[in-house]
Amino acid sequence: RKGVETEVFYKWLLPTYDVFDEQRYFEPADTVNYFDFKGVRFGVTICE
C-alpha cells in the first residue's frame, strides 16, 4: 500500500514433482498467513 509499511507472507507447501522444483530454492513458511483490511480478515495461500 502507498505510504504503509509492507507486509509479507510466505508459501507453506513447496512442490517438487513434474515441472515443479521449488525445494531447490525456497524455505517453507512457518507462520499462519492472514491480514486485516477494511474490516475483513483475508487468509493468504500461494498455489500449492
ModelCIF file with pLDDT and N, C-alpha, C, O atoms, coordinates in Angstrom:
data_MODEL
#
_entry.id   MODEL 
#
_entity.id                         1 
_entity.type                       polymer 
_entity.pdbx_number_of_molecules   1 
#
_entity_poly.entity_id                      1 
_entity_poly.type                           'polypeptide(L)' 
_entity_poly.nstd_linkage                   no 
_entity_poly.nstd_monomer                   no 
_entity_poly.pdbx_seq_one_letter_code       RKGVETEVFYKWLLPTYDVFDEQRYFEPADTVNYFDFKGVRFGVTICE 
_entity_poly.pdbx_seq_one_letter_code_can   RKGVETEVFYKWLLPTYDVFDEQRYFEPADTVNYFDFKGVRFGVTICE 
_entity_poly.pdbx_strand_id                 A 
#
loop_
_entity_poly_seq.entity_id 
_entity_poly_seq.num 
_entity_poly_seq.mon_id 
_entity_poly_seq.hetero 
1 1  ARG n 
1 2  LYS n 
1 3  GLY n 
1 4  VAL n 
1 5  GLU n 
1 6  THR n 
1 7  GLU n 
1 8  VAL n 
1 9  PHE n 
1 10 TYR n 
1 11 LYS n 
1 12 TRP n 
1 13 LEU n 
1 14 LEU n 
1 15 PRO n 
1 16 THR n 
1 17 TYR n 
1 18 ASP n 
1 19 VAL n 
1 20 PHE n 
1 21 ASP n 
1 22 GLU n 
1 23 GLN n 
1 24 ARG n 
1 25 TYR n 
1 26 PHE n 
1 27 GLU n 
1 28 PRO n 
1 29 ALA n 
1 30 ASP n 
1 31 THR n 
1 32 VAL n 
1 33 ASN n 
1 34 TYR n 
1 35 PHE n 
1 36 ASP n 
1 37 PHE n 
1 38 LYS n 
1 39 GLY n 
1 40 VAL n 
1 41 ARG n 
1 42 PHE n 
1 43 GLY n 
1 44 VAL n 
1 45 THR n 
1 46 ILE n 
1 47 CYS n 
1 48 GLU n 
#
_struct_asym.id          A 
_struct_asym.entity_id   1 
#
loop_
_ma_qa_metric.id 
_ma_qa_metric.mode 
_ma_qa_metric.name 
_ma_qa_metric.software_group_id 
_ma_qa_metric.type 
1 global pLDDT . pLDDT 
2 local  pLDDT . pLDDT 
#
_ma_qa_metric_global.metric_id      1 
_ma_qa_metric_global.metric_value   94.44 
_ma_qa_metric_global.model_id       1 
_ma_qa_metric_global.ordinal_id     1 
#
loop_
_ma_qa_metric_local.label_asym_id 
_ma_qa_metric_local.label_comp_id 
_ma_qa_metric_local.label_seq_id 
_ma_qa_metric_local.metric_id 
_ma_qa_metric_local.metric_value 
_ma_qa_metric_local.model_id 
_ma_qa_metric_local.ordinal_id 
A ARG 1  2 95.00 1 1  
A LYS 2  2 90.00 1 2  
A GLY 3  2 85.00 1 3  
A VAL 4  2 88.00 1 4  
A GLU 5  2 87.00 1 5  
A THR 6  2 89.00 1 6  
A GLU 7  2 94.00 1 7  
A VAL 8  2 96.00 1 8  
A PHE 9  2 97.00 1 9  
A TYR 10 2 97.00 1 10 
A LYS 11 2 97.00 1 11 
A TRP 12 2 96.00 1 12 
A LEU 13 2 95.00 1 13 
A LEU 14 2 96.00 1 14 
A PRO 15 2 95.00 1 15 
A THR 16 2 93.00 1 16 
A TYR 17 2 92.00 1 17 
A ASP 18 2 93.00 1 18 
A VAL 19 2 94.00 1 19 
A PHE 20 2 94.00 1 20 
A ASP 21 2 94.00 1 21 
A GLU 22 2 95.00 1 22 
A GLN 23 2 94.00 1 23 
A ARG 24 2 95.00 1 24 
A TYR 25 2 96.00 1 25 
A PHE 26 2 96.00 1 26 
A GLU 27 2 95.00 1 27 
A PRO 28 2 95.00 1 28 
A ALA 29 2 94.00 1 29 
A ASP 30 2 89.00 1 30 
A THR 31 2 92.00 1 31 
A VAL 32 2 93.00 1 32 
A ASN 33 2 95.00 1 33 
A TYR 34 2 96.00 1 34 
A PHE 35 2 97.00 1 35 
A ASP 36 2 96.00 1 36 
A PHE 37 2 96.00 1 37 
A LYS 38 2 95.00 1 38 
A GLY 39 2 95.00 1 39 
A VAL 40 2 97.00 1 40 
A ARG 41 2 97.00 1 41 
A PHE 42 2 98.00 1 42 
A GLY 43 2 97.00 1 43 
A VAL 44 2 98.00 1 44 
A THR 45 2 97.00 1 45 
A ILE 46 2 97.00 1 46 
A CYS 47 2 96.00 1 47 
A GLU 48 2 95.00 1 48 
#
loop_
_atom_site.group_PDB 
_atom_site.id 
_atom_site.type_symbol 
_atom_site.label_atom_id 
_atom_site.label_alt_id 
_atom_site.label_comp_id 
_atom_site.label_asym_id 
_atom_site.label_entity_id 
_atom_site.label_seq_id 
_atom_site.pdbx_PDB_ins_code 
_atom_site.Cartn_x 
_atom_site.Cartn_y 
_atom_site.Cartn_z 
_atom_site.occupancy 
_atom_site.B_iso_or_equiv 
_atom_site.pdbx_formal_charge 
_atom_site.auth_seq_id 
_atom_site.auth_comp_id 
_atom_site.auth_asym_id 
_atom_site.auth_atom_id 
_atom_site.pdbx_PDB_model_num 
ATOM 1   N N  . ARG A 1 1  ? 0.857   -1.188  0.000   1.00 95.00 ? 1  ARG A N  1 
ATOM 2   C CA . ARG A 1 1  ? 0.000   0.000   0.000   1.00 95.00 ? 1  ARG A CA 1 
ATOM 3   C C  . ARG A 1 1  ? 0.891   1.236   0.000   1.00 95.00 ? 1  ARG A C  1 
ATOM 4   O O  . ARG A 1 1  ? 1.984   1.226   0.565   1.00 95.00 ? 1  ARG A O  1 
ATOM 5   N N  . LYS A 1 2  ? 0.425   2.273   -0.623  1.00 90.00 ? 2  LYS A N  1 
ATOM 6   C CA . LYS A 1 2  ? 1.197   3.505   -0.675  1.00 90.00 ? 2  LYS A CA 1 
ATOM 7   C C  . LYS A 1 2  ? 1.270   4.132   0.714   1.00 90.00 ? 2  LYS A C  1 
ATOM 8   O O  . LYS A 1 2  ? 0.247   4.364   1.358   1.00 90.00 ? 2  LYS A O  1 
ATOM 9   N N  . GLY A 1 3  ? 2.498   4.405   1.166   1.00 85.00 ? 3  GLY A N  1 
ATOM 10  C CA . GLY A 1 3  ? 2.688   5.077   2.436   1.00 85.00 ? 3  GLY A CA 1 
ATOM 11  C C  . GLY A 1 3  ? 2.460   4.211   3.655   1.00 85.00 ? 3  GLY A C  1 
ATOM 12  O O  . GLY A 1 3  ? 2.416   4.718   4.776   1.00 85.00 ? 3  GLY A O  1 
ATOM 13  N N  . VAL A 1 4  ? 2.312   2.895   3.454   1.00 88.00 ? 4  VAL A N  1 
ATOM 14  C CA . VAL A 1 4  ? 2.090   1.970   4.569   1.00 88.00 ? 4  VAL A CA 1 
ATOM 15  C C  . VAL A 1 4  ? 3.181   0.905   4.526   1.00 88.00 ? 4  VAL A C  1 
ATOM 16  O O  . VAL A 1 4  ? 3.555   0.443   3.448   1.00 88.00 ? 4  VAL A O  1 
ATOM 17  N N  . GLU A 1 5  ? 3.686   0.518   5.677   1.00 87.00 ? 5  GLU A N  1 
ATOM 18  C CA . GLU A 1 5  ? 4.739   -0.488  5.727   1.00 87.00 ? 5  GLU A CA 1 
ATOM 19  C C  . GLU A 1 5  ? 4.253   -1.795  5.104   1.00 87.00 ? 5  GLU A C  1 
ATOM 20  O O  . GLU A 1 5  ? 3.150   -2.262  5.388   1.00 87.00 ? 5  GLU A O  1 
ATOM 21  N N  . THR A 1 6  ? 5.080   -2.365  4.264   1.00 89.00 ? 6  THR A N  1 
ATOM 22  C CA . THR A 1 6  ? 4.719   -3.578  3.542   1.00 89.00 ? 6  THR A CA 1 
ATOM 23  C C  . THR A 1 6  ? 4.709   -4.787  4.465   1.00 89.00 ? 6  THR A C  1 
ATOM 24  O O  . THR A 1 6  ? 5.589   -4.945  5.311   1.00 89.00 ? 6  THR A O  1 
ATOM 25  N N  . GLU A 1 7  ? 3.704   -5.638  4.291   1.00 94.00 ? 7  GLU A N  1 
ATOM 26  C CA . GLU A 1 7  ? 3.662   -6.924  4.978   1.00 94.00 ? 7  GLU A CA 1 
ATOM 27  C C  . GLU A 1 7  ? 4.014   -8.026  3.979   1.00 94.00 ? 7  GLU A C  1 
ATOM 28  O O  . GLU A 1 7  ? 3.846   -7.852  2.772   1.00 94.00 ? 7  GLU A O  1 
ATOM 29  N N  . VAL A 1 8  ? 4.502   -9.159  4.485   1.00 96.00 ? 8  VAL A N  1 
ATOM 30  C CA . VAL A 1 8  ? 4.878   -10.245 3.594   1.00 96.00 ? 8  VAL A CA 1 
ATOM 31  C C  . VAL A 1 8  ? 4.446   -11.585 4.185   1.00 96.00 ? 8  VAL A C  1 
ATOM 32  O O  . VAL A 1 8  ? 4.509   -11.799 5.396   1.00 96.00 ? 8  VAL A O  1 
ATOM 33  N N  . PHE A 1 9  ? 4.009   -12.476 3.304   1.00 97.00 ? 9  PHE A N  1 
ATOM 34  C CA . PHE A 1 9  ? 3.552   -13.806 3.691   1.00 97.00 ? 9  PHE A CA 1 
ATOM 35  C C  . PHE A 1 9  ? 4.269   -14.829 2.810   1.00 97.00 ? 9  PHE A C  1 
ATOM 36  O O  . PHE A 1 9  ? 4.584   -14.554 1.652   1.00 97.00 ? 9  PHE A O  1 
ATOM 37  N N  . TYR A 1 10 ? 4.519   -16.002 3.371   1.00 97.00 ? 10 TYR A N  1 
ATOM 38  C CA . TYR A 1 10 ? 5.327   -16.992 2.658   1.00 97.00 ? 10 TYR A CA 1 
ATOM 39  C C  . TYR A 1 10 ? 4.539   -18.265 2.366   1.00 97.00 ? 10 TYR A C  1 
ATOM 40  O O  . TYR A 1 10 ? 3.598   -18.624 3.073   1.00 97.00 ? 10 TYR A O  1 
ATOM 41  N N  . LYS A 1 11 ? 4.960   -18.923 1.304   1.00 97.00 ? 11 LYS A N  1 
ATOM 42  C CA . LYS A 1 11 ? 4.312   -20.156 0.861   1.00 97.00 ? 11 LYS A CA 1 
ATOM 43  C C  . LYS A 1 11 ? 4.672   -21.311 1.793   1.00 97.00 ? 11 LYS A C  1 
ATOM 44  O O  . LYS A 1 11 ? 5.824   -21.464 2.199   1.00 97.00 ? 11 LYS A O  1 
ATOM 45  N N  . TRP A 1 12 ? 3.675   -22.110 2.118   1.00 96.00 ? 12 TRP A N  1 
ATOM 46  C CA . TRP A 1 12 ? 3.867   -23.253 3.013   1.00 96.00 ? 12 TRP A CA 1 
ATOM 47  C C  . TRP A 1 12 ? 4.341   -24.508 2.275   1.00 96.00 ? 12 TRP A C  1 
ATOM 48  O O  . TRP A 1 12 ? 5.349   -25.110 2.645   1.00 96.00 ? 12 TRP A O  1 
ATOM 49  N N  . LEU A 1 13 ? 3.623   -24.887 1.254   1.00 95.00 ? 13 LEU A N  1 
ATOM 50  C CA . LEU A 1 13 ? 3.849   -26.179 0.596   1.00 95.00 ? 13 LEU A CA 1 
ATOM 51  C C  . LEU A 1 13 ? 4.610   -25.966 -0.710  1.00 95.00 ? 13 LEU A C  1 
ATOM 52  O O  . LEU A 1 13 ? 4.137   -25.273 -1.610  1.00 95.00 ? 13 LEU A O  1 
ATOM 53  N N  . LEU A 1 14 ? 5.775   -26.560 -0.799  1.00 96.00 ? 14 LEU A N  1 
ATOM 54  C CA . LEU A 1 14 ? 6.684   -26.331 -1.926  1.00 96.00 ? 14 LEU A CA 1 
ATOM 55  C C  . LEU A 1 14 ? 6.736   -27.582 -2.800  1.00 96.00 ? 14 LEU A C  1 
ATOM 56  O O  . LEU A 1 14 ? 7.341   -28.581 -2.410  1.00 96.00 ? 14 LEU A O  1 
ATOM 57  N N  . PRO A 1 15 ? 6.117   -27.541 -3.962  1.00 95.00 ? 15 PRO A N  1 
ATOM 58  C CA . PRO A 1 15 ? 6.056   -28.730 -4.809  1.00 95.00 ? 15 PRO A CA 1 
ATOM 59  C C  . PRO A 1 15 ? 7.400   -29.079 -5.430  1.00 95.00 ? 15 PRO A C  1 
ATOM 60  O O  . PRO A 1 15 ? 8.153   -28.208 -5.864  1.00 95.00 ? 15 PRO A O  1 
ATOM 61  N N  . THR A 1 16 ? 7.676   -30.359 -5.458  1.00 93.00 ? 16 THR A N  1 
ATOM 62  C CA . THR A 1 16 ? 8.863   -30.875 -6.140  1.00 93.00 ? 16 THR A CA 1 
ATOM 63  C C  . THR A 1 16 ? 8.442   -32.149 -6.870  1.00 93.00 ? 16 THR A C  1 
ATOM 64  O O  . THR A 1 16 ? 8.760   -33.263 -6.454  1.00 93.00 ? 16 THR A O  1 
ATOM 65  N N  . TYR A 1 17 ? 7.726   -31.950 -7.958  1.00 92.00 ? 17 TYR A N  1 
ATOM 66  C CA . TYR A 1 17 ? 7.270   -33.045 -8.812  1.00 92.00 ? 17 TYR A CA 1 
ATOM 67  C C  . TYR A 1 17 ? 6.927   -32.456 -10.173 1.00 92.00 ? 17 TYR A C  1 
ATOM 68  O O  . TYR A 1 17 ? 6.699   -31.253 -10.300 1.00 92.00 ? 17 TYR A O  1 
ATOM 69  N N  . ASP A 1 18 ? 6.894   -33.298 -11.171 1.00 93.00 ? 18 ASP A N  1 
ATOM 70  C CA . ASP A 1 18 ? 6.612   -32.879 -12.537 1.00 93.00 ? 18 ASP A CA 1 
ATOM 71  C C  . ASP A 1 18 ? 7.469   -31.657 -12.891 1.00 93.00 ? 18 ASP A C  1 
ATOM 72  O O  . ASP A 1 18 ? 8.696   -31.745 -12.829 1.00 93.00 ? 18 ASP A O  1 
ATOM 73  N N  . VAL A 1 19 ? 6.867   -30.527 -13.259 1.00 94.00 ? 19 VAL A N  1 
ATOM 74  C CA . VAL A 1 19 ? 7.648   -29.364 -13.697 1.00 94.00 ? 19 VAL A CA 1 
ATOM 75  C C  . VAL A 1 19 ? 8.085   -28.483 -12.536 1.00 94.00 ? 19 VAL A C  1 
ATOM 76  O O  . VAL A 1 19 ? 8.768   -27.480 -12.744 1.00 94.00 ? 19 VAL A O  1 
ATOM 77  N N  . PHE A 1 20 ? 7.703   -28.843 -11.322 1.00 94.00 ? 20 PHE A N  1 
ATOM 78  C CA . PHE A 1 20 ? 7.982   -28.003 -10.153 1.00 94.00 ? 20 PHE A CA 1 
ATOM 79  C C  . PHE A 1 20 ? 9.234   -28.484 -9.425  1.00 94.00 ? 20 PHE A C  1 
ATOM 80  O O  . PHE A 1 20 ? 9.486   -29.684 -9.309  1.00 94.00 ? 20 PHE A O  1 
ATOM 81  N N  . ASP A 1 21 ? 10.020  -27.507 -8.934  1.00 94.00 ? 21 ASP A N  1 
ATOM 82  C CA . ASP A 1 21 ? 11.253  -27.841 -8.222  1.00 94.00 ? 21 ASP A CA 1 
ATOM 83  C C  . ASP A 1 21 ? 11.536  -26.779 -7.168  1.00 94.00 ? 21 ASP A C  1 
ATOM 84  O O  . ASP A 1 21 ? 12.653  -26.271 -7.067  1.00 94.00 ? 21 ASP A O  1 
ATOM 85  N N  . GLU A 1 22 ? 10.515  -26.448 -6.385  1.00 95.00 ? 22 GLU A N  1 
ATOM 86  C CA . GLU A 1 22 ? 10.621  -25.283 -5.508  1.00 95.00 ? 22 GLU A CA 1 
ATOM 87  C C  . GLU A 1 22 ? 11.496  -25.522 -4.284  1.00 95.00 ? 22 GLU A C  1 
ATOM 88  O O  . GLU A 1 22 ? 12.031  -24.568 -3.720  1.00 95.00 ? 22 GLU A O  1 
ATOM 89  N N  . GLN A 1 23 ? 11.654  -26.768 -3.862  1.00 94.00 ? 23 GLN A N  1 
ATOM 90  C CA . GLN A 1 23 ? 12.529  -27.018 -2.717  1.00 94.00 ? 23 GLN A CA 1 
ATOM 91  C C  . GLN A 1 23 ? 14.000  -26.822 -3.080  1.00 94.00 ? 23 GLN A C  1 
ATOM 92  O O  . GLN A 1 23 ? 14.863  -26.860 -2.203  1.00 94.00 ? 23 GLN A O  1 
ATOM 93  N N  . ARG A 1 24 ? 14.281  -26.621 -4.324  1.00 95.00 ? 24 ARG A N  1 
ATOM 94  C CA . ARG A 1 24 ? 15.631  -26.285 -4.769  1.00 95.00 ? 24 ARG A CA 1 
ATOM 95  C C  . ARG A 1 24 ? 16.014  -24.871 -4.318  1.00 95.00 ? 24 ARG A C  1 
ATOM 96  O O  . ARG A 1 24 ? 17.192  -24.571 -4.124  1.00 95.00 ? 24 ARG A O  1 
ATOM 97  N N  . TYR A 1 25 ? 14.991  -23.994 -4.150  1.00 96.00 ? 25 TYR A N  1 
ATOM 98  C CA . TYR A 1 25 ? 15.264  -22.587 -3.887  1.00 96.00 ? 25 TYR A CA 1 
ATOM 99  C C  . TYR A 1 25 ? 14.683  -22.070 -2.569  1.00 96.00 ? 25 TYR A C  1 
ATOM 100 O O  . TYR A 1 25 ? 15.315  -21.277 -1.871  1.00 96.00 ? 25 TYR A O  1 
ATOM 101 N N  . PHE A 1 26 ? 13.472  -22.527 -2.239  1.00 96.00 ? 26 PHE A N  1 
ATOM 102 C CA . PHE A 1 26 ? 12.697  -21.857 -1.207  1.00 96.00 ? 26 PHE A CA 1 
ATOM 103 C C  . PHE A 1 26 ? 12.659  -22.622 0.108   1.00 96.00 ? 26 PHE A C  1 
ATOM 104 O O  . PHE A 1 26 ? 12.777  -23.846 0.152   1.00 96.00 ? 26 PHE A O  1 
ATOM 105 N N  . GLU A 1 27 ? 12.489  -21.850 1.179   1.00 95.00 ? 27 GLU A N  1 
ATOM 106 C CA . GLU A 1 27 ? 12.222  -22.388 2.512   1.00 95.00 ? 27 GLU A CA 1 
ATOM 107 C C  . GLU A 1 27 ? 10.730  -22.183 2.792   1.00 95.00 ? 27 GLU A C  1 
ATOM 108 O O  . GLU A 1 27 ? 10.193  -21.112 2.510   1.00 95.00 ? 27 GLU A O  1 
ATOM 109 N N  . PRO A 1 28 ? 10.059  -23.195 3.343   1.00 95.00 ? 28 PRO A N  1 
ATOM 110 C CA . PRO A 1 28 ? 8.610   -23.056 3.558   1.00 95.00 ? 28 PRO A CA 1 
ATOM 111 C C  . PRO A 1 28 ? 8.278   -22.129 4.718   1.00 95.00 ? 28 PRO A C  1 
ATOM 112 O O  . PRO A 1 28 ? 9.115   -21.852 5.578   1.00 95.00 ? 28 PRO A O  1 
ATOM 113 N N  . ALA A 1 29 ? 7.037   -21.659 4.720   1.00 94.00 ? 29 ALA A N  1 
ATOM 114 C CA . ALA A 1 29 ? 6.548   -20.798 5.787   1.00 94.00 ? 29 ALA A CA 1 
ATOM 115 C C  . ALA A 1 29 ? 6.399   -21.577 7.087   1.00 94.00 ? 29 ALA A C  1 
ATOM 116 O O  . ALA A 1 29 ? 6.257   -22.800 7.088   1.00 94.00 ? 29 ALA A O  1 
ATOM 117 N N  . ASP A 1 30 ? 6.434   -20.838 8.197   1.00 89.00 ? 30 ASP A N  1 
ATOM 118 C CA . ASP A 1 30 ? 6.213   -21.466 9.500   1.00 89.00 ? 30 ASP A CA 1 
ATOM 119 C C  . ASP A 1 30 ? 5.266   -20.631 10.357  1.00 89.00 ? 30 ASP A C  1 
ATOM 120 O O  . ASP A 1 30 ? 5.149   -20.863 11.561  1.00 89.00 ? 30 ASP A O  1 
ATOM 121 N N  . THR A 1 31 ? 4.587   -19.655 9.738   1.00 92.00 ? 31 THR A N  1 
ATOM 122 C CA . THR A 1 31 ? 3.594   -18.845 10.448  1.00 92.00 ? 31 THR A CA 1 
ATOM 123 C C  . THR A 1 31 ? 2.300   -18.828 9.637   1.00 92.00 ? 31 THR A C  1 
ATOM 124 O O  . THR A 1 31 ? 2.311   -19.048 8.426   1.00 92.00 ? 31 THR A O  1 
ATOM 125 N N  . VAL A 1 32 ? 1.195   -18.565 10.315  1.00 93.00 ? 32 VAL A N  1 
ATOM 126 C CA . VAL A 1 32 ? -0.109  -18.526 9.658   1.00 93.00 ? 32 VAL A CA 1 
ATOM 127 C C  . VAL A 1 32 ? -0.239  -17.219 8.877   1.00 93.00 ? 32 VAL A C  1 
ATOM 128 O O  . VAL A 1 32 ? 0.095   -16.149 9.386   1.00 93.00 ? 32 VAL A O  1 
ATOM 129 N N  . ASN A 1 33 ? -0.725  -17.312 7.647   1.00 95.00 ? 33 ASN A N  1 
ATOM 130 C CA . ASN A 1 33 ? -0.777  -16.162 6.751   1.00 95.00 ? 33 ASN A CA 1 
ATOM 131 C C  . ASN A 1 33 ? -2.175  -15.546 6.701   1.00 95.00 ? 33 ASN A C  1 
ATOM 132 O O  . ASN A 1 33 ? -3.102  -16.154 6.168   1.00 95.00 ? 33 ASN A O  1 
ATOM 133 N N  . TYR A 1 34 ? -2.326  -14.350 7.252   1.00 96.00 ? 34 TYR A N  1 
ATOM 134 C CA . TYR A 1 34 ? -3.589  -13.617 7.150   1.00 96.00 ? 34 TYR A CA 1 
ATOM 135 C C  . TYR A 1 34 ? -3.321  -12.143 7.406   1.00 96.00 ? 34 TYR A C  1 
ATOM 136 O O  . TYR A 1 34 ? -2.302  -11.764 7.985   1.00 96.00 ? 34 TYR A O  1 
ATOM 137 N N  . PHE A 1 35 ? -4.267  -11.319 6.956   1.00 97.00 ? 35 PHE A N  1 
ATOM 138 C CA . PHE A 1 35 ? -4.170  -9.888  7.242   1.00 97.00 ? 35 PHE A CA 1 
ATOM 139 C C  . PHE A 1 35 ? -5.579  -9.302  7.301   1.00 97.00 ? 35 PHE A C  1 
ATOM 140 O O  . PHE A 1 35 ? -6.526  -9.854  6.740   1.00 97.00 ? 35 PHE A O  1 
ATOM 141 N N  . ASP A 1 36 ? -5.689  -8.178  7.990   1.00 96.00 ? 36 ASP A N  1 
ATOM 142 C CA . ASP A 1 36 ? -6.954  -7.461  8.106   1.00 96.00 ? 36 ASP A CA 1 
ATOM 143 C C  . ASP A 1 36 ? -6.916  -6.213  7.226   1.00 96.00 ? 36 ASP A C  1 
ATOM 144 O O  . ASP A 1 36 ? -5.941  -5.461  7.235   1.00 96.00 ? 36 ASP A O  1 
ATOM 145 N N  . PHE A 1 37 ? -7.981  -6.008  6.474   1.00 96.00 ? 37 PHE A N  1 
ATOM 146 C CA . PHE A 1 37 ? -8.052  -4.833  5.605   1.00 96.00 ? 37 PHE A CA 1 
ATOM 147 C C  . PHE A 1 37 ? -9.500  -4.391  5.495   1.00 96.00 ? 37 PHE A C  1 
ATOM 148 O O  . PHE A 1 37 ? -10.360 -5.124  5.008   1.00 96.00 ? 37 PHE A O  1 
ATOM 149 N N  . LYS A 1 38 ? -9.746  -3.172  5.961   1.00 95.00 ? 38 LYS A N  1 
ATOM 150 C CA . LYS A 1 38 ? -11.071 -2.554  5.892   1.00 95.00 ? 38 LYS A CA 1 
ATOM 151 C C  . LYS A 1 38 ? -12.158 -3.449  6.494   1.00 95.00 ? 38 LYS A C  1 
ATOM 152 O O  . LYS A 1 38 ? -13.239 -3.618  5.929   1.00 95.00 ? 38 LYS A O  1 
ATOM 153 N N  . GLY A 1 39 ? -11.830 -4.016  7.663   1.00 95.00 ? 39 GLY A N  1 
ATOM 154 C CA . GLY A 1 39 ? -12.811 -4.789  8.405   1.00 95.00 ? 39 GLY A CA 1 
ATOM 155 C C  . GLY A 1 39 ? -12.978 -6.220  7.973   1.00 95.00 ? 39 GLY A C  1 
ATOM 156 O O  . GLY A 1 39 ? -13.851 -6.923  8.484   1.00 95.00 ? 39 GLY A O  1 
ATOM 157 N N  . VAL A 1 40 ? -12.158 -6.672  7.040   1.00 97.00 ? 40 VAL A N  1 
ATOM 158 C CA . VAL A 1 40 ? -12.245 -8.053  6.550   1.00 97.00 ? 40 VAL A CA 1 
ATOM 159 C C  . VAL A 1 40 ? -10.922 -8.746  6.826   1.00 97.00 ? 40 VAL A C  1 
ATOM 160 O O  . VAL A 1 40 ? -9.855  -8.169  6.614   1.00 97.00 ? 40 VAL A O  1 
ATOM 161 N N  . ARG A 1 41 ? -10.992 -10.000 7.304   1.00 97.00 ? 41 ARG A N  1 
ATOM 162 C CA . ARG A 1 41 ? -9.774  -10.783 7.517   1.00 97.00 ? 41 ARG A CA 1 
ATOM 163 C C  . ARG A 1 41 ? -9.573  -11.732 6.329   1.00 97.00 ? 41 ARG A C  1 
ATOM 164 O O  . ARG A 1 41 ? -10.428 -12.565 6.028   1.00 97.00 ? 41 ARG A O  1 
ATOM 165 N N  . PHE A 1 42 ? -8.440  -11.586 5.673   1.00 98.00 ? 42 PHE A N  1 
ATOM 166 C CA . PHE A 1 42 ? -8.123  -12.381 4.489   1.00 98.00 ? 42 PHE A CA 1 
ATOM 167 C C  . PHE A 1 42 ? -7.060  -13.419 4.827   1.00 98.00 ? 42 PHE A C  1 
ATOM 168 O O  . PHE A 1 42 ? -6.008  -13.081 5.370   1.00 98.00 ? 42 PHE A O  1 
ATOM 169 N N  . GLY A 1 43 ? -7.330  -14.670 4.509   1.00 97.00 ? 43 GLY A N  1 
ATOM 170 C CA . GLY A 1 43 ? -6.312  -15.706 4.586   1.00 97.00 ? 43 GLY A CA 1 
ATOM 171 C C  . GLY A 1 43 ? -5.534  -15.746 3.281   1.00 97.00 ? 43 GLY A C  1 
ATOM 172 O O  . GLY A 1 43 ? -6.109  -15.577 2.206   1.00 97.00 ? 43 GLY A O  1 
ATOM 173 N N  . VAL A 1 44 ? -4.233  -15.966 3.370   1.00 98.00 ? 44 VAL A N  1 
ATOM 174 C CA . VAL A 1 44 ? -3.367  -15.932 2.194   1.00 98.00 ? 44 VAL A CA 1 
ATOM 175 C C  . VAL A 1 44 ? -2.757  -17.311 1.957   1.00 98.00 ? 44 VAL A C  1 
ATOM 176 O O  . VAL A 1 44 ? -2.127  -17.883 2.846   1.00 98.00 ? 44 VAL A O  1 
ATOM 177 N N  . THR A 1 45 ? -2.949  -17.828 0.765   1.00 97.00 ? 45 THR A N  1 
ATOM 178 C CA . THR A 1 45 ? -2.292  -19.066 0.337   1.00 97.00 ? 45 THR A CA 1 
ATOM 179 C C  . THR A 1 45 ? -1.648  -18.822 -1.015  1.00 97.00 ? 45 THR A C  1 
ATOM 180 O O  . THR A 1 45 ? -2.076  -17.953 -1.774  1.00 97.00 ? 45 THR A O  1 
ATOM 181 N N  . ILE A 1 46 ? -0.622  -19.592 -1.306  1.00 97.00 ? 46 ILE A N  1 
ATOM 182 C CA . ILE A 1 46 ? 0.082   -19.470 -2.576  1.00 97.00 ? 46 ILE A CA 1 
ATOM 183 C C  . ILE A 1 46 ? 0.061   -20.824 -3.283  1.00 97.00 ? 46 ILE A C  1 
ATOM 184 O O  . ILE A 1 46 ? 0.695   -21.779 -2.835  1.00 97.00 ? 46 ILE A O  1 
ATOM 185 N N  . CYS A 1 47 ? -0.662  -20.891 -4.371  1.00 96.00 ? 47 CYS A N  1 
ATOM 186 C CA . CYS A 1 47 ? -0.753  -22.041 -5.281  1.00 96.00 ? 47 CYS A CA 1 
ATOM 187 C C  . CYS A 1 47 ? -0.898  -23.369 -4.546  1.00 96.00 ? 47 CYS A C  1 
ATOM 188 O O  . CYS A 1 47 ? -1.999  -23.727 -4.128  1.00 96.00 ? 47 CYS A O  1 
ATOM 189 N N  . GLU A 1 48 ? 0.194   -24.099 -4.387  1.00 95.00 ? 48 GLU A N  1 
ATOM 190 C CA . GLU A 1 48 ? 0.175   -25.458 -3.831  1.00 95.00 ? 48 GLU A CA 1 
ATOM 191 C C  . GLU A 1 48 ? -0.426  -25.518 -2.431  1.00 95.00 ? 48 GLU A C  1 
ATOM 192 O O  . GLU A 1 48 ? -0.507  -26.595 -1.839  1.00 95.00 ? 48 GLU A O  1 
#
